[in-house]
Amino acid sequence: MRVLVIDTIAGEGIAYLRQHGFEVDEIKKPSAQELPRDVRW
């Protein structure tokens, strides 16, 4: 089974899914350091 995870807090849940045979795709919100200076909030 394949799942899509968006912006998780704890990686333990992702690891649990992978250990139980799930194919996990992740979409993460960029950190403030990754954003251009004029886009930071």
C-alpha atoms as a PDB file:
ATOM      1  CA  MET A   1       0.000   0.000   0.000  1.00  0.00           C
ATOM      2  CA  ARG A   2       1.188   3.515  -0.750  1.00  0.00           C
ATOM      3  CA  VAL A   3       0.509   6.544   1.458  1.00  0.00           C
ATOM      4  CA  LEU A   4       1.170  10.278   1.136  1.00  0.00           C
ATOM      5  CA  VAL A   5       2.145  12.119   4.324  1.00  0.00           C
ATOM      6  CA  ILE A   6       2.081  15.897   4.436  1.00  0.00           C
ATOM      7  CA  ASP A   7       4.119  17.910   6.962  1.00  0.00           C
ATOM      8  CA  THR A   8       4.566  15.470   9.849  1.00  0.00           C
ATOM      9  CA  ILE A   9       5.930  16.347  13.270  1.00  0.00           C
ATOM     10  CA  ALA A  10       7.201  12.977  14.525  1.00  0.00           C
ATOM     11  CA  GLY A  11       9.195  10.684  12.278  1.00  0.00           C
ATOM     12  CA  GLU A  12       8.318   7.632  14.375  1.00  0.00           C
ATOM     13  CA  GLY A  13       4.991   7.265  12.578  1.00  0.00           C
ATOM     14  CA  ILE A  14       6.711   7.328   9.187  1.00  0.00           C
ATOM     15  CA  ALA A  15       9.214   4.719  10.376  1.00  0.00           C
ATOM     16  CA  TYR A  16       6.369   2.536  11.704  1.00  0.00           C
ATOM     17  CA  LEU A  17       4.566   2.639   8.358  1.00  0.00           C
ATOM     18  CA  ARG A  18       7.735   1.756   6.454  1.00  0.00           C
ATOM     19  CA  GLN A  19       8.529  -1.116   8.838  1.00  0.00           C
ATOM     20  CA  HIS A  20       5.081  -2.535   8.121  1.00  0.00           C
ATOM     21  CA  GLY A  21       5.505  -2.534   4.357  1.00  0.00           C
ATOM     22  CA  PHE A  22       3.983   0.810   3.394  1.00  0.00           C
ATOM     23  CA  GLU A  23       5.557   2.845   0.621  1.00  0.00           C
ATOM     24  CA  VAL A  24       5.625   6.375   2.056  1.00  0.00           C
ATOM     25  CA  ASP A  25       5.899   9.607   0.070  1.00  0.00           C
ATOM     26  CA  GLU A  26       6.429  12.766   2.145  1.00  0.00           C
ATOM     27  CA  ILE A  27       5.720  16.407   1.395  1.00  0.00           C
ATOM     28  CA  LYS A  28       7.328  18.750   3.897  1.00  0.00           C
ATOM     29  CA  LYS A  29       6.881  22.462   4.410  1.00  0.00           C
ATOM     30  CA  PRO A  30      10.252  24.194   3.938  1.00  0.00           C
ATOM     31  CA  SER A  31      11.931  25.560   7.054  1.00  0.00           C
ATOM     32  CA  ALA A  32      12.438  29.310   7.499  1.00  0.00           C
ATOM     33  CA  GLN A  33      16.120  28.832   6.619  1.00  0.00           C
ATOM     34  CA  GLU A  34      15.175  27.215   3.293  1.00  0.00           C
ATOM     35  CA  LEU A  35      12.885  30.061   2.210  1.00  0.00           C
ATOM     36  CA  PRO A  36      14.140  33.202   0.492  1.00  0.00           C
ATOM     37  CA  ARG A  37      14.529  36.064   2.975  1.00  0.00           C
ATOM     38  CA  ASP A  38      11.609  38.087   1.519  1.00  0.00           C
ATOM     39  CA  VAL A  39       9.171  35.136   1.862  1.00  0.00           C
ATOM     40  CA  ARG A  40       9.791  34.297   5.540  1.00  0.00           C
ATOM     41  CA  TRP A  41       6.991  34.663   8.020  1.00  0.00           C
END
